[in-house]
Protein backbone atom coordinates (compact mmCIF):
# COMPACT_ATOMS: atom_id res chain seq x y z
CA MET A 1 2.64 -4.85 9.39
CA THR A 2 2.26 -7.17 6.42
CA GLU A 3 4.96 -7.79 3.82
CA LEU A 4 3.03 -5.74 1.26
CA GLU A 5 2.76 -2.77 3.62
CA TRP A 6 6.48 -3.04 4.38
CA GLU A 7 7.38 -3.02 0.67
CA VAL A 8 5.10 -0.07 -0.13
CA LYS A 9 6.60 1.83 2.80
CA GLN A 10 10.11 1.15 1.43
CA VAL A 11 9.07 2.51 -1.98
CA LEU A 12 7.52 5.67 -0.53
CA VAL A 13 10.60 6.30 1.64
CA GLY A 14 12.85 5.98 -1.41
CA ARG A 15 14.60 2.66 -0.74
CA THR A 16 14.43 1.41 -4.32
CA ILE A 17 16.87 0.41 -7.04
CA LEU A 18 16.53 0.98 -10.77
CA LEU A 19 16.33 -2.14 -12.92
CA ASP A 20 17.67 -2.48 -16.48
CA ASP A 21 14.18 -2.19 -18.00
CA GLY A 22 13.47 1.13 -16.24
CA ARG A 23 11.23 -0.22 -13.49
CA LEU A 24 11.93 0.20 -9.80
CA ALA A 25 12.36 -2.64 -7.33
CA THR A 26 12.39 -2.57 -3.57
CA MET A 27 15.78 -3.15 -2.05
CA GLY A 28 16.42 -6.52 -0.49
CA PRO A 29 18.41 -7.15 2.67
CA GLU A 30 21.58 -7.71 0.62
CA ASP A 31 21.27 -4.41 -1.30
CA TYR A 32 22.92 -1.24 -0.05
CA ARG A 33 22.79 2.29 -1.37
CA MET A 34 24.06 5.52 0.09
CA PRO A 35 21.15 7.74 1.19
CA THR A 36 20.56 10.53 -1.31
CA GLY A 37 18.15 12.67 0.67
CA VAL A 38 14.56 12.68 1.81
CA MET A 39 11.97 11.97 -0.83
CA ASP A 40 8.62 13.78 -0.97
CA GLY A 41 6.45 12.46 1.81
CA ALA A 42 9.11 10.23 3.35
CA THR A 43 8.90 11.94 6.73
CA GLU A 44 5.12 11.42 6.83
CA VAL A 45 5.59 7.74 6.08
CA ARG A 46 8.22 7.35 8.78
CA LEU A 47 6.31 9.29 11.43
CA PHE A 48 2.65 8.53 10.74
CA GLY A 49 2.63 5.39 8.60
CA LEU A 50 0.61 4.61 5.49
CA ALA A 51 -2.84 5.61 4.28
CA LYS A 52 -4.61 3.37 1.80
CA LYS A 53 -7.82 3.14 -0.16
CA GLN A 54 -9.10 -0.02 -1.83
CA VAL A 55 -11.48 -0.38 -4.77
CA VAL A 56 -12.93 -3.59 -6.20
CA LEU A 57 -12.69 -3.96 -9.97
CA GLU A 58 -15.02 -6.08 -12.06
CA CYS A 59 -13.59 -7.66 -15.19
CA ASP A 60 -14.86 -9.81 -18.07
CA MET A 61 -11.45 -11.45 -18.65
CA ASP A 62 -9.59 -14.29 -16.98
CA GLN A 63 -7.18 -13.46 -14.15
CA GLU A 64 -3.95 -13.56 -16.15
CA SER A 65 -5.15 -11.36 -19.02
CA ALA A 66 -6.79 -8.91 -16.59
CA LEU A 67 -3.53 -8.48 -14.66
CA GLN A 68 -1.65 -8.05 -17.95
CA ALA A 69 -4.10 -5.34 -19.13
CA VAL A 70 -3.97 -3.52 -15.80
CA GLY A 71 -0.17 -3.82 -15.72
CA ASP A 72 0.04 -2.13 -19.13
CA VAL A 73 -2.12 0.74 -17.86
CA LEU A 74 0.08 1.16 -14.79
CA LYS A 75 3.26 1.17 -16.91
CA ASN A 76 1.88 4.08 -18.94
CA LEU A 77 0.71 6.09 -15.93
CA GLY A 78 3.72 5.93 -13.61
CA ARG A 79 7.03 4.25 -12.91
CA GLY A 80 6.58 0.47 -12.83
CA LEU A 81 7.41 -1.35 -9.61
CA VAL A 82 8.56 -4.89 -8.94
CA LEU A 83 7.55 -6.00 -5.46
CA ILE A 84 9.93 -8.65 -4.15
CA TYR A 85 7.46 -10.47 -1.92
CA HIS A 86 4.50 -10.05 -4.29
CA PRO A 87 5.76 -10.45 -7.87
CA GLU A 88 2.30 -11.45 -9.10
CA MET A 89 0.92 -7.96 -8.35
CA ALA A 90 1.00 -5.14 -10.87
CA ALA A 91 2.29 -1.96 -9.22
CA CYS A 92 3.52 1.54 -10.06
CA LEU A 93 4.69 4.74 -8.38
CA PHE A 94 2.88 8.01 -9.18
CA ARG A 95 4.55 11.36 -8.60
CA TYR A 96 2.60 14.59 -8.85
CA ILE A 97 3.57 18.20 -8.45
CA LEU A 98 0.91 19.30 -5.97
CA THR A 99 0.29 16.07 -4.05
CA ARG A 100 2.45 13.45 -2.39
CA PRO A 101 3.64 10.36 -4.28
CA ALA A 102 1.31 7.38 -4.34
CA VAL A 103 1.78 3.68 -5.04
CA LEU A 104 -0.92 1.74 -6.87
CA THR A 105 -1.06 -2.04 -6.54
CA VAL A 106 -3.48 -4.37 -8.32
CA GLY A 107 -3.90 -8.01 -7.38
CA TYR A 108 -6.39 -10.72 -6.64
CA GLU A 109 -7.76 -11.27 -3.14
CA GLU A 110 -10.44 -13.91 -2.66
CA ASP A 111 -10.98 -14.10 -6.45
CA LYS A 112 -11.68 -10.36 -6.67
CA LEU A 113 -9.49 -7.88 -8.54
CA ILE A 114 -8.51 -5.23 -5.96
CA LEU A 115 -6.93 -1.84 -6.68
CA THR A 116 -5.13 -0.38 -3.65
CA ALA A 117 -3.72 3.15 -3.51
CA TRP A 118 -1.07 3.89 -0.86
CA THR A 119 0.52 7.14 0.32
CA GLY A 120 1.98 8.65 3.48
CA ARG A 121 -0.60 9.41 6.15
CA SER A 122 -1.19 13.16 6.44
CA LEU A 123 -3.96 15.74 6.33
CA ASN A 124 -3.95 15.80 2.53
CA ALA A 125 -3.46 12.06 1.96
CA TRP A 126 -7.03 11.75 0.67
CA ALA A 127 -6.17 14.10 -2.22
CA ALA A 128 -3.19 11.99 -3.33
CA LEU A 129 -5.21 8.78 -3.09
CA ARG A 130 -8.15 10.24 -4.97
CA ARG A 131 -5.93 11.68 -7.70
CA ALA A 132 -4.13 8.38 -8.26
CA ILE A 133 -7.37 6.38 -8.39
CA THR A 134 -9.14 8.79 -10.77
CA SER A 135 -6.17 8.89 -13.15
CA PHE A 136 -6.16 5.09 -13.16
CA GLU A 137 -9.93 5.04 -13.77
CA ARG A 138 -9.60 7.31 -16.81
CA HIS A 139 -7.23 4.86 -18.51
CA LEU A 140 -9.03 1.60 -17.74
CA PRO A 141 -9.19 -0.83 -20.69
CA GLU A 142 -12.44 -2.23 -22.06
CA GLY A 143 -13.90 -5.00 -19.92
CA ILE A 144 -12.62 -3.66 -16.57
CA ARG A 145 -14.70 -1.28 -14.47
CA PHE A 146 -15.08 -0.05 -10.90
CA THR A 147 -17.76 -1.54 -8.64
CA MET A 148 -19.38 -0.25 -5.47
CA GLU A 149 -18.66 -3.54 -3.72
CA ALA A 150 -16.75 -3.40 -0.44
CA PRO A 151 -13.23 -4.87 -0.56
CA PRO A 152 -12.54 -8.01 1.47
CA VAL A 153 -11.24 -7.37 4.97
CA ALA A 154 -7.77 -8.78 5.57
CA ALA A 155 -7.25 -10.69 8.77
CA GLU A 156 -4.67 -8.75 10.74
CA GLU A 157 -2.40 -10.18 13.36
CA GLU A 158 -3.80 -10.00 16.85
CA LYS A 159 -1.91 -7.72 19.19
CA PRO A 160 -2.20 -7.98 22.94
CA ALA A 161 -4.51 -5.33 24.28
CA LYS A 162 -2.84 -2.70 26.41
CA LYS A 163 -6.02 -2.04 28.36
CA ALA A 164 -6.23 -5.64 29.49
CA SER A 165 -2.79 -5.48 31.09
CA LYS A 166 -3.71 -2.21 32.81
CA LYS A 167 -6.88 -3.77 34.17
CA LYS A 168 -4.91 -6.66 35.61
CA LYS A 169 -2.57 -4.25 37.37
CA THR A 170 -5.53 -2.29 38.74
CA VAL A 171 -7.18 -5.47 39.97
CA LYS A 172 -3.94 -6.53 41.69
CA LYS A 173 -3.60 -3.11 43.36
CA THR A 174 -7.16 -3.13 44.61
CA ALA A 175 -6.74 -6.67 45.95
CA GLU A 176 -3.59 -5.61 47.78
CA GLU A 177 -5.33 -2.52 49.19
CA ILE A 178 -8.22 -4.66 50.42
CA ASP A 179 -5.82 -7.07 52.15
CA GLN A 180 -4.15 -4.21 54.04
């Protein structure tokens, strides 16, 4: 799990603090707050993890002004978020009546502006992701538009394969059976 996924998971579970300017920030290791109850979709996030959808944005502006314009759109659409490990990203939390909450993050990866929508994994996660992305698309400023380009694939940490260890055990058993 990357740091960004960990922070988004903390937001969707409800582990946030309110800043003086009205934005939310993820809680650090030194912060403590008494639990106030289960937030919408928190059980799905805890049990099943996160669902995400990425879209590549094309912009006619430089990186700093594009992030500023997108950040202003996100402030108007939902509750602004400050991500501790990724302060350069613009982010916000959407809450809807009929769908689960969603987190939108916008940042640069490999010199491409990437919009990522996150929500708890469930049967209706696609509806929450689609609703968040379409509401963002309706409020896009001039000079920024969606593309059909595929987002860059992030290199994930390699995990040891479980099947490989099972094969080794099977090979050892068969070798022992042959010897007997």
